[in-house]
Amino acid sequence: MVRTSMIALALAALAACGSQQPSSQGKTVAQENDVRADAAAQGADPNALLAGRWETKQEMVGVAKAGLEAQSKREIAAASGASVQCLPALSSKRPDANFFAGSSESECKYRSFSMRDGRLDATIVCTATPGSITMTLGGKYTPTSYTLDATAVTSGVPNVMRTSAKITGTWLGACPERP
């Protein structure tokens, strides 16, 4: 089950969600983030993501694997989460494959990648033990957000598993400075 969960969560890693509490100016944190994102996007390269801190949320929408117990399928399908990562300026036109895989520690490489005119399409292959995971991503992006449909397929193991998910990314601002 651990291997199955890791494969399903290869689409994104876990972290906390944002607050909806009003700020001192009466706006929610999400509304304030939208205002900051809109301001930052003014003059941004439309064929790149803004460098900085990004939150990626993943919602599993399906899982298929021969021989997988119903309870395990429900657990995998219910797996949703979020991760927060920093995107370096040098990677804003072609983020590292690990950025979309949900972890800077993943062993992922692009098989194909296209990000132009608001459309992002990629195929990513990640090393897993045993076997590998091939993820296909497709969807829309702006300099401050992205919404992708994702599928992941395992190979090199008995009983291939397929998962599908919706992935959304939101630019949160600058990355914290390191001391």
C-alpha atoms as a PDB file:
ATOM      1  CA  MET A   1       0.000   0.000   0.000  1.00  0.00           C
ATOM      2  CA  VAL A   2       2.893   2.398   0.690  1.00  0.00           C
ATOM      3  CA  ARG A   3       4.183   2.006  -2.887  1.00  0.00           C
ATOM      4  CA  THR A   4       0.648   2.474  -4.253  1.00  0.00           C
ATOM      5  CA  SER A   5       0.151   5.666  -2.221  1.00  0.00           C
ATOM      6  CA  MET A   6       3.522   7.052  -3.304  1.00  0.00           C
ATOM      7  CA  ILE A   7       2.666   6.486  -6.949  1.00  0.00           C
ATOM      8  CA  ALA A   8      -0.734   8.126  -6.610  1.00  0.00           C
ATOM      9  CA  LEU A   9       0.790  11.079  -4.775  1.00  0.00           C
ATOM     10  CA  ALA A  10       3.554  11.469  -7.366  1.00  0.00           C
ATOM     11  CA  LEU A  11       1.192  13.965  -8.999  1.00  0.00           C
ATOM     12  CA  ALA A  12       1.692  16.346  -6.062  1.00  0.00           C
ATOM     13  CA  ALA A  13       3.033  16.380  -2.492  1.00  0.00           C
ATOM     14  CA  LEU A  14       1.285  17.325   0.743  1.00  0.00           C
ATOM     15  CA  ALA A  15       1.211  20.727   2.505  1.00  0.00           C
ATOM     16  CA  ALA A  16      -1.263  23.086   4.177  1.00  0.00           C
ATOM     17  CA  CYS A  17      -4.105  25.063   2.566  1.00  0.00           C
ATOM     18  CA  GLY A  18      -4.513  28.872   2.769  1.00  0.00           C
ATOM     19  CA  SER A  19      -6.660  30.696   5.264  1.00  0.00           C
ATOM     20  CA  GLN A  20      -9.943  32.385   4.435  1.00  0.00           C
ATOM     21  CA  GLN A  21      -9.922  34.661   7.508  1.00  0.00           C
ATOM     22  CA  PRO A  22     -10.527  38.374   6.860  1.00  0.00           C
ATOM     23  CA  SER A  23      -7.493  40.634   7.089  1.00  0.00           C
ATOM     24  CA  SER A  24      -7.402  43.993   8.783  1.00  0.00           C
ATOM     25  CA  GLN A  25      -8.654  45.553   5.527  1.00  0.00           C
ATOM     26  CA  GLY A  26     -11.711  43.256   5.320  1.00  0.00           C
ATOM     27  CA  LYS A  27     -10.343  41.080   2.496  1.00  0.00           C
ATOM     28  CA  THR A  28      -9.644  37.373   2.831  1.00  0.00           C
ATOM     29  CA  VAL A  29      -6.083  36.138   2.448  1.00  0.00           C
ATOM     30  CA  ALA A  30      -7.094  34.593  -0.895  1.00  0.00           C
ATOM     31  CA  GLN A  31      -8.434  37.960  -2.108  1.00  0.00           C
ATOM     32  CA  GLU A  32      -5.242  39.718  -1.032  1.00  0.00           C
ATOM     33  CA  ASN A  33      -3.177  37.059  -2.837  1.00  0.00           C
ATOM     34  CA  ASP A  34      -5.262  37.634  -5.994  1.00  0.00           C
ATOM     35  CA  VAL A  35      -4.561  41.376  -5.815  1.00  0.00           C
ATOM     36  CA  ARG A  36      -0.813  40.753  -5.385  1.00  0.00           C
ATOM     37  CA  ALA A  37      -0.799  38.220  -8.241  1.00  0.00           C
ATOM     38  CA  ASP A  38      -2.629  40.609 -10.580  1.00  0.00           C
ATOM     39  CA  ALA A  39      -0.162  43.378  -9.747  1.00  0.00           C
ATOM     40  CA  ALA A  40       2.836  41.083 -10.239  1.00  0.00           C
ATOM     41  CA  ALA A  41       1.516  39.805 -13.570  1.00  0.00           C
ATOM     42  CA  GLN A  42       1.449  43.319 -15.019  1.00  0.00           C
ATOM     43  CA  GLY A  43       4.286  43.289 -17.526  1.00  0.00           C
ATOM     44  CA  ALA A  44       5.203  39.647 -16.851  1.00  0.00           C
ATOM     45  CA  ASP A  45       6.358  37.396 -19.696  1.00  0.00           C
ATOM     46  CA  PRO A  46       3.156  35.636 -20.877  1.00  0.00           C
ATOM     47  CA  ASN A  47       5.215  32.571 -21.872  1.00  0.00           C
ATOM     48  CA  ALA A  48       6.660  31.993 -18.406  1.00  0.00           C
ATOM     49  CA  LEU A  49       5.566  31.422 -14.839  1.00  0.00           C
ATOM     50  CA  LEU A  50       6.591  34.076 -12.334  1.00  0.00           C
ATOM     51  CA  ALA A  51       9.606  33.144 -10.279  1.00  0.00           C
ATOM     52  CA  GLY A  52       8.869  32.810  -6.599  1.00  0.00           C
ATOM     53  CA  ARG A  53       6.799  30.809  -4.170  1.00  0.00           C
ATOM     54  CA  TRP A  54       4.089  28.564  -5.637  1.00  0.00           C
ATOM     55  CA  GLU A  55       1.364  26.499  -4.020  1.00  0.00           C
ATOM     56  CA  THR A  56       0.294  23.454  -6.002  1.00  0.00           C
ATOM     57  CA  LYS A  57      -2.939  21.678  -5.091  1.00  0.00           C
ATOM     58  CA  GLN A  58      -3.799  18.208  -6.334  1.00  0.00           C
ATOM     59  CA  GLU A  59      -7.215  16.563  -6.374  1.00  0.00           C
ATOM     60  CA  MET A  60      -7.339  12.902  -7.334  1.00  0.00           C
ATOM     61  CA  VAL A  61     -10.235  12.106  -9.671  1.00  0.00           C
ATOM     62  CA  GLY A  62      -9.628   8.466 -10.551  1.00  0.00           C
ATOM     63  CA  VAL A  63      -7.573   5.343 -10.025  1.00  0.00           C
ATOM     64  CA  ALA A  64      -7.486   2.039 -11.911  1.00  0.00           C
ATOM     65  CA  LYS A  65      -5.391  -1.040 -11.168  1.00  0.00           C
ATOM     66  CA  ALA A  66      -6.204  -4.704 -11.694  1.00  0.00           C
ATOM     67  CA  GLY A  67      -6.386  -6.542  -8.405  1.00  0.00           C
ATOM     68  CA  LEU A  68      -6.436  -3.407  -6.257  1.00  0.00           C
ATOM     69  CA  GLU A  69      -8.875  -3.759  -3.373  1.00  0.00           C
ATOM     70  CA  ALA A  70     -11.846  -1.396  -3.306  1.00  0.00           C
ATOM     71  CA  GLN A  71     -10.710   0.159  -0.006  1.00  0.00           C
ATOM     72  CA  SER A  72      -7.258   0.921  -1.438  1.00  0.00           C
ATOM     73  CA  LYS A  73      -8.832   2.488  -4.535  1.00  0.00           C
ATOM     74  CA  ARG A  74     -10.999   4.707  -2.322  1.00  0.00           C
ATOM     75  CA  GLU A  75      -7.975   5.761  -0.242  1.00  0.00           C
ATOM     76  CA  ILE A  76      -5.954   6.648  -3.330  1.00  0.00           C
ATOM     77  CA  ALA A  77      -8.875   8.449  -4.988  1.00  0.00           C
ATOM     78  CA  ALA A  78      -9.443  10.446  -1.786  1.00  0.00           C
ATOM     79  CA  ALA A  79      -5.798  11.538  -1.651  1.00  0.00           C
ATOM     80  CA  SER A  80      -5.615  15.254  -2.173  1.00  0.00           C
ATOM     81  CA  GLY A  81      -2.976  17.634  -1.013  1.00  0.00           C
ATOM     82  CA  ALA A  82      -0.874  20.682  -1.599  1.00  0.00           C
ATOM     83  CA  SER A  83       2.787  21.570  -1.740  1.00  0.00           C
ATOM     84  CA  VAL A  84       4.628  24.877  -1.605  1.00  0.00           C
ATOM     85  CA  GLN A  85       7.833  25.244  -3.621  1.00  0.00           C
ATOM     86  CA  CYS A  86      10.071  28.015  -4.876  1.00  0.00           C
ATOM     87  CA  LEU A  87      10.522  28.417  -8.632  1.00  0.00           C
ATOM     88  CA  PRO A  88      13.887  30.002  -9.522  1.00  0.00           C
ATOM     89  CA  ALA A  89      13.899  32.814 -12.096  1.00  0.00           C
ATOM     90  CA  LEU A  90      16.169  30.779 -14.404  1.00  0.00           C
ATOM     91  CA  SER A  91      13.493  28.039 -14.531  1.00  0.00           C
ATOM     92  CA  SER A  92      10.427  30.222 -15.123  1.00  0.00           C
ATOM     93  CA  LYS A  93      10.125  29.378 -18.850  1.00  0.00           C
ATOM     94  CA  ARG A  94      10.785  25.676 -18.301  1.00  0.00           C
ATOM     95  CA  PRO A  95      10.339  24.638 -14.681  1.00  0.00           C
ATOM     96  CA  ASP A  96      12.265  21.555 -13.643  1.00  0.00           C
ATOM     97  CA  ALA A  97      10.157  18.401 -14.105  1.00  0.00           C
ATOM     98  CA  ASN A  98      10.300  17.856 -10.342  1.00  0.00           C
ATOM     99  CA  PHE A  99       8.378  21.141  -9.868  1.00  0.00           C
ATOM    100  CA  PHE A 100       5.281  19.600 -11.467  1.00  0.00           C
ATOM    101  CA  ALA A 101       5.935  16.168  -9.925  1.00  0.00           C
ATOM    102  CA  GLY A 102       5.480  17.797  -6.516  1.00  0.00           C
ATOM    103  CA  SER A 103       8.931  17.496  -4.977  1.00  0.00           C
ATOM    104  CA  SER A 104      12.402  18.817  -5.600  1.00  0.00           C
ATOM    105  CA  GLU A 105      13.641  15.396  -4.480  1.00  0.00           C
ATOM    106  CA  SER A 106      11.810  13.431  -7.197  1.00  0.00           C
ATOM    107  CA  GLU A 107      13.882  11.786  -9.895  1.00  0.00           C
ATOM    108  CA  CYS A 108      11.887  13.094 -12.862  1.00  0.00           C
ATOM    109  CA  LYS A 109      12.809  14.201 -16.378  1.00  0.00           C
ATOM    110  CA  TYR A 110      10.787  15.608 -19.261  1.00  0.00           C
ATOM    111  CA  ARG A 111      10.093  13.359 -22.228  1.00  0.00           C
ATOM    112  CA  SER A 112       8.367  16.344 -23.850  1.00  0.00           C
ATOM    113  CA  PHE A 113       7.545  19.897 -22.740  1.00  0.00           C
ATOM    114  CA  SER A 114       5.682  22.820 -24.309  1.00  0.00           C
ATOM    115  CA  MET A 115       4.621  26.029 -22.559  1.00  0.00           C
ATOM    116  CA  ARG A 116       3.438  28.750 -24.913  1.00  0.00           C
ATOM    117  CA  ASP A 117       0.496  31.111 -25.416  1.00  0.00           C
ATOM    118  CA  GLY A 118      -1.278  30.027 -22.237  1.00  0.00           C
ATOM    119  CA  ARG A 119      -1.086  26.275 -22.946  1.00  0.00           C
ATOM    120  CA  LEU A 120       1.149  23.823 -21.049  1.00  0.00           C
ATOM    121  CA  ASP A 121       1.663  20.224 -22.208  1.00  0.00           C
ATOM    122  CA  ALA A 122       4.274  17.867 -20.806  1.00  0.00           C
ATOM    123  CA  THR A 123       5.173  14.227 -20.407  1.00  0.00           C
ATOM    124  CA  ILE A 124       7.325  13.470 -17.380  1.00  0.00           C
ATOM    125  CA  VAL A 125       9.039  10.180 -16.527  1.00  0.00           C
ATOM    126  CA  CYS A 126       9.958   9.550 -12.889  1.00  0.00           C
ATOM    127  CA  THR A 127      12.121   6.768 -11.511  1.00  0.00           C
ATOM    128  CA  ALA A 128      10.312   4.629  -8.954  1.00  0.00           C
ATOM    129  CA  THR A 129      11.519   1.504  -7.226  1.00  0.00           C
ATOM    130  CA  PRO A 130      10.670  -0.764  -8.870  1.00  0.00           C
ATOM    131  CA  GLY A 131       9.664   0.543 -12.288  1.00  0.00           C
ATOM    132  CA  SER A 132       8.806   4.056 -13.349  1.00  0.00           C
ATOM    133  CA  ILE A 133       5.914   6.513 -13.481  1.00  0.00           C
ATOM    134  CA  THR A 134       4.956   8.383 -16.648  1.00  0.00           C
ATOM    135  CA  MET A 135       2.894  11.526 -16.054  1.00  0.00           C
ATOM    136  CA  THR A 136       1.086  13.418 -18.764  1.00  0.00           C
ATOM    137  CA  LEU A 137       0.067  17.017 -18.019  1.00  0.00           C
ATOM    138  CA  GLY A 138      -2.100  19.298 -20.125  1.00  0.00           C
ATOM    139  CA  GLY A 139      -3.871  22.546 -19.412  1.00  0.00           C
ATOM    140  CA  LYS A 140      -3.762  26.324 -19.190  1.00  0.00           C
ATOM    141  CA  TYR A 141      -1.437  28.731 -17.425  1.00  0.00           C
ATOM    142  CA  THR A 142      -0.848  32.421 -16.797  1.00  0.00           C
ATOM    143  CA  PRO A 143       2.261  33.923 -15.205  1.00  0.00           C
ATOM    144  CA  THR A 144       0.551  33.565 -11.794  1.00  0.00           C
ATOM    145  CA  SER A 145      -1.482  30.342 -12.060  1.00  0.00           C
ATOM    146  CA  TYR A 146      -1.970  27.044 -13.816  1.00  0.00           C
ATOM    147  CA  THR A 147      -4.715  24.426 -14.088  1.00  0.00           C
ATOM    148  CA  LEU A 148      -3.708  21.023 -15.439  1.00  0.00           C
ATOM    149  CA  ASP A 149      -5.291  17.652 -16.062  1.00  0.00           C
ATOM    150  CA  ALA A 150      -2.828  14.940 -15.091  1.00  0.00           C
ATOM    151  CA  THR A 151      -2.587  11.213 -15.617  1.00  0.00           C
ATOM    152  CA  ALA A 152       0.066   8.947 -14.148  1.00  0.00           C
ATOM    153  CA  VAL A 153       0.789   5.397 -15.286  1.00  0.00           C
ATOM    154  CA  THR A 154       3.184   2.981 -13.608  1.00  0.00           C
ATOM    155  CA  SER A 155       5.334   0.614 -15.646  1.00  0.00           C
ATOM    156  CA  GLY A 156       7.854  -2.094 -14.892  1.00  0.00           C
ATOM    157  CA  VAL A 157       5.667  -3.541 -12.145  1.00  0.00           C
ATOM    158  CA  PRO A 158       2.913  -6.158 -12.145  1.00  0.00           C
ATOM    159  CA  ASN A 159      -0.599  -4.745 -12.464  1.00  0.00           C
ATOM    160  CA  VAL A 160      -0.075  -1.336 -14.026  1.00  0.00           C
ATOM    161  CA  MET A 161      -1.870   1.466 -12.181  1.00  0.00           C
ATOM    162  CA  ARG A 162      -3.410   4.594 -13.718  1.00  0.00           C
ATOM    163  CA  THR A 163      -4.349   7.669 -11.720  1.00  0.00           C
ATOM    164  CA  SER A 164      -5.889  10.920 -12.862  1.00  0.00           C
ATOM    165  CA  ALA A 165      -5.958  14.259 -11.079  1.00  0.00           C
ATOM    166  CA  LYS A 166      -6.647  17.974 -11.393  1.00  0.00           C
ATOM    167  CA  ILE A 167      -3.640  20.108 -10.487  1.00  0.00           C
ATOM    168  CA  THR A 168      -3.821  23.846  -9.793  1.00  0.00           C
ATOM    169  CA  GLY A 169      -0.928  26.151  -9.061  1.00  0.00           C
ATOM    170  CA  THR A 170      -1.040  29.624  -7.555  1.00  0.00           C
ATOM    171  CA  TRP A 171       1.839  32.095  -7.294  1.00  0.00           C
ATOM    172  CA  LEU A 172       2.129  33.294  -3.693  1.00  0.00           C
ATOM    173  CA  GLY A 173       4.859  35.904  -4.002  1.00  0.00           C
ATOM    174  CA  ALA A 174       8.591  36.033  -3.490  1.00  0.00           C
ATOM    175  CA  CYS A 175      10.447  33.130  -1.916  1.00  0.00           C
ATOM    176  CA  PRO A 176      11.711  33.718   1.597  1.00  0.00           C
ATOM    177  CA  GLU A 177      15.320  34.826   1.715  1.00  0.00           C
ATOM    178  CA  ARG A 178      17.745  32.270   3.056  1.00  0.00           C
ATOM    179  CA  PRO A 179      19.994  33.414   5.923  1.00  0.00           C
END
